[in-house]
Amino acid sequence: MKQIRLLNLKSEKIMGWIVGIALIVLVFFSSSIIERHLKDIKKQNNELIKLLKEKNSEKS
């Protein structure tokens, strides 16, 4: 009976580590994807600003 309890405690500890590592990996990849999207948005905004400046300078 004591061995079964120890085995259960060890397996719970291992599962805890696996879940923890999985969460870290998930956060890392999520932040990487978000960063990529933000860079794309920044690039699009810069292009739009450039076009608006060109159009504004043509009016002047």
N, C-alpha and C. Protein backbone atom coordinates (compact mmCIF):
# COMPACT_ATOMS: atom_id res chain seq x y z
N MET A 1 0.82 -1.19 0.00
CA MET A 1 0.00 0.00 0.00
C MET A 1 0.87 1.25 0.00
N LYS A 2 1.95 1.22 0.78
CA LYS A 2 2.86 2.36 0.85
C LYS A 2 3.53 2.60 -0.50
N GLN A 3 3.88 1.53 -1.19
CA GLN A 3 4.52 1.65 -2.50
C GLN A 3 3.57 2.28 -3.51
N ILE A 4 2.30 1.93 -3.44
CA ILE A 4 1.32 2.48 -4.37
C ILE A 4 1.19 3.98 -4.15
N ARG A 5 1.17 4.42 -2.88
CA ARG A 5 1.09 5.85 -2.58
C ARG A 5 2.31 6.58 -3.12
N LEU A 6 3.49 6.00 -2.92
CA LEU A 6 4.72 6.62 -3.42
C LEU A 6 4.69 6.71 -4.94
N LEU A 7 4.22 5.66 -5.58
CA LEU A 7 4.13 5.64 -7.04
C LEU A 7 3.16 6.72 -7.52
N ASN A 8 2.03 6.86 -6.84
CA ASN A 8 1.06 7.89 -7.19
C ASN A 8 1.65 9.28 -7.01
N LEU A 9 2.39 9.50 -5.94
CA LEU A 9 3.01 10.80 -5.70
C LEU A 9 4.04 11.11 -6.78
N LYS A 10 4.83 10.11 -7.16
CA LYS A 10 5.83 10.32 -8.21
C LYS A 10 5.17 10.62 -9.54
N SER A 11 4.11 9.87 -9.87
CA SER A 11 3.45 10.10 -11.15
C SER A 11 2.77 11.47 -11.17
N GLU A 12 2.22 11.91 -10.03
CA GLU A 12 1.62 13.24 -9.96
C GLU A 12 2.68 14.32 -10.14
N LYS A 13 3.84 14.09 -9.56
CA LYS A 13 4.93 15.06 -9.68
C LYS A 13 5.40 15.15 -11.14
N ILE A 14 5.53 13.99 -11.78
CA ILE A 14 5.96 13.96 -13.18
C ILE A 14 4.91 14.64 -14.06
N MET A 15 3.64 14.37 -13.81
CA MET A 15 2.57 15.01 -14.59
C MET A 15 2.60 16.52 -14.38
N GLY A 16 2.88 16.94 -13.16
CA GLY A 16 2.99 18.37 -12.88
C GLY A 16 4.10 19.02 -13.69
N TRP A 17 5.24 18.35 -13.76
CA TRP A 17 6.36 18.86 -14.56
C TRP A 17 5.99 18.93 -16.04
N ILE A 18 5.34 17.89 -16.53
CA ILE A 18 4.95 17.86 -17.95
C ILE A 18 3.98 19.00 -18.26
N VAL A 19 3.00 19.19 -17.39
CA VAL A 19 2.04 20.28 -17.60
C VAL A 19 2.74 21.63 -17.53
N GLY A 20 3.65 21.79 -16.59
CA GLY A 20 4.39 23.05 -16.47
C GLY A 20 5.22 23.35 -17.71
N ILE A 21 5.92 22.35 -18.20
CA ILE A 21 6.74 22.53 -19.41
C ILE A 21 5.85 22.83 -20.60
N ALA A 22 4.72 22.14 -20.70
CA ALA A 22 3.79 22.38 -21.81
C ALA A 22 3.27 23.82 -21.77
N LEU A 23 2.97 24.32 -20.59
CA LEU A 23 2.50 25.70 -20.46
C LEU A 23 3.58 26.70 -20.88
N ILE A 24 4.81 26.44 -20.48
CA ILE A 24 5.92 27.33 -20.87
C ILE A 24 6.08 27.35 -22.38
N VAL A 25 6.04 26.18 -23.00
CA VAL A 25 6.17 26.09 -24.46
C VAL A 25 5.01 26.82 -25.13
N LEU A 26 3.81 26.63 -24.62
CA LEU A 26 2.63 27.29 -25.18
C LEU A 26 2.75 28.81 -25.10
N VAL A 27 3.17 29.32 -23.96
CA VAL A 27 3.34 30.78 -23.80
C VAL A 27 4.42 31.29 -24.74
N PHE A 28 5.52 30.55 -24.87
CA PHE A 28 6.60 30.99 -25.74
C PHE A 28 6.13 31.11 -27.18
N PHE A 29 5.47 30.06 -27.69
CA PHE A 29 5.03 30.09 -29.08
C PHE A 29 3.91 31.11 -29.30
N SER A 30 3.04 31.27 -28.32
CA SER A 30 1.97 32.27 -28.43
C SER A 30 2.56 33.67 -28.51
N SER A 31 3.53 33.96 -27.66
CA SER A 31 4.13 35.30 -27.68
C SER A 31 4.89 35.52 -28.98
N SER A 32 5.48 34.48 -29.52
CA SER A 32 6.19 34.59 -30.79
C SER A 32 5.22 34.91 -31.92
N ILE A 33 4.08 34.25 -31.94
CA ILE A 33 3.07 34.50 -32.97
C ILE A 33 2.51 35.91 -32.83
N ILE A 34 2.22 36.33 -31.61
CA ILE A 34 1.70 37.68 -31.38
C ILE A 34 2.72 38.72 -31.83
N GLU A 35 3.99 38.50 -31.51
CA GLU A 35 5.04 39.44 -31.91
C GLU A 35 5.11 39.55 -33.43
N ARG A 36 5.00 38.44 -34.12
CA ARG A 36 5.04 38.44 -35.58
C ARG A 36 3.87 39.24 -36.15
N HIS A 37 2.69 39.05 -35.58
CA HIS A 37 1.51 39.79 -36.05
C HIS A 37 1.68 41.29 -35.79
N LEU A 38 2.22 41.64 -34.64
CA LEU A 38 2.42 43.06 -34.33
C LEU A 38 3.42 43.69 -35.29
N LYS A 39 4.45 42.95 -35.67
CA LYS A 39 5.42 43.47 -36.64
C LYS A 39 4.76 43.69 -38.00
N ASP A 40 3.88 42.75 -38.39
CA ASP A 40 3.15 42.91 -39.66
C ASP A 40 2.26 44.15 -39.62
N ILE A 41 1.58 44.36 -38.51
CA ILE A 41 0.71 45.53 -38.37
C ILE A 41 1.54 46.81 -38.43
N LYS A 42 2.69 46.81 -37.77
CA LYS A 42 3.56 47.99 -37.79
C LYS A 42 4.03 48.28 -39.21
N LYS A 43 4.39 47.24 -39.94
CA LYS A 43 4.83 47.40 -41.33
C LYS A 43 3.72 47.99 -42.18
N GLN A 44 2.50 47.47 -42.03
CA GLN A 44 1.36 47.99 -42.78
C GLN A 44 1.08 49.45 -42.42
N ASN A 45 1.17 49.78 -41.14
CA ASN A 45 0.95 51.16 -40.71
C ASN A 45 1.99 52.09 -41.31
N ASN A 46 3.24 51.66 -41.33
CA ASN A 46 4.30 52.49 -41.90
C ASN A 46 4.07 52.73 -43.39
N GLU A 47 3.63 51.69 -44.09
CA GLU A 47 3.33 51.85 -45.52
C GLU A 47 2.16 52.81 -45.74
N LEU A 48 1.15 52.70 -44.90
CA LEU A 48 -0.01 53.58 -45.01
C LEU A 48 0.39 55.03 -44.72
N ILE A 49 1.20 55.24 -43.71
CA ILE A 49 1.67 56.60 -43.38
C ILE A 49 2.46 57.17 -44.55
N LYS A 50 3.31 56.34 -45.15
CA LYS A 50 4.10 56.79 -46.29
C LYS A 50 3.19 57.21 -47.45
N LEU A 51 2.18 56.39 -47.75
CA LEU A 51 1.25 56.72 -48.83
C LEU A 51 0.47 58.00 -48.52
N LEU A 52 0.04 58.16 -47.28
CA LEU A 52 -0.70 59.37 -46.91
C LEU A 52 0.18 60.61 -47.01
N LYS A 53 1.44 60.49 -46.62
CA LYS A 53 2.36 61.63 -46.73
C LYS A 53 2.58 62.00 -48.19
N GLU A 54 2.72 60.99 -49.05
CA GLU A 54 2.91 61.25 -50.48
C GLU A 54 1.69 61.95 -51.06
N LYS A 55 0.52 61.46 -50.69
CA LYS A 55 -0.72 62.06 -51.20
C LYS A 55 -0.88 63.49 -50.69
N ASN A 56 -0.52 63.71 -49.44
CA ASN A 56 -0.62 65.04 -48.85
C ASN A 56 0.37 66.01 -49.50
N SER A 57 1.55 65.53 -49.83
CA SER A 57 2.55 66.39 -50.46
C SER A 57 2.15 66.72 -51.90
N GLU A 58 1.40 65.83 -52.55
CA GLU A 58 0.92 66.09 -53.91
C GLU A 58 -0.13 67.20 -53.90
N LYS A 59 -0.93 67.26 -52.84
CA LYS A 59 -1.97 68.29 -52.73
C LYS A 59 -1.35 69.67 -52.55
N SER A 60 -0.22 69.73 -51.87
CA SER A 60 0.40 71.03 -51.55
C SER A 60 1.05 71.68 -52.73
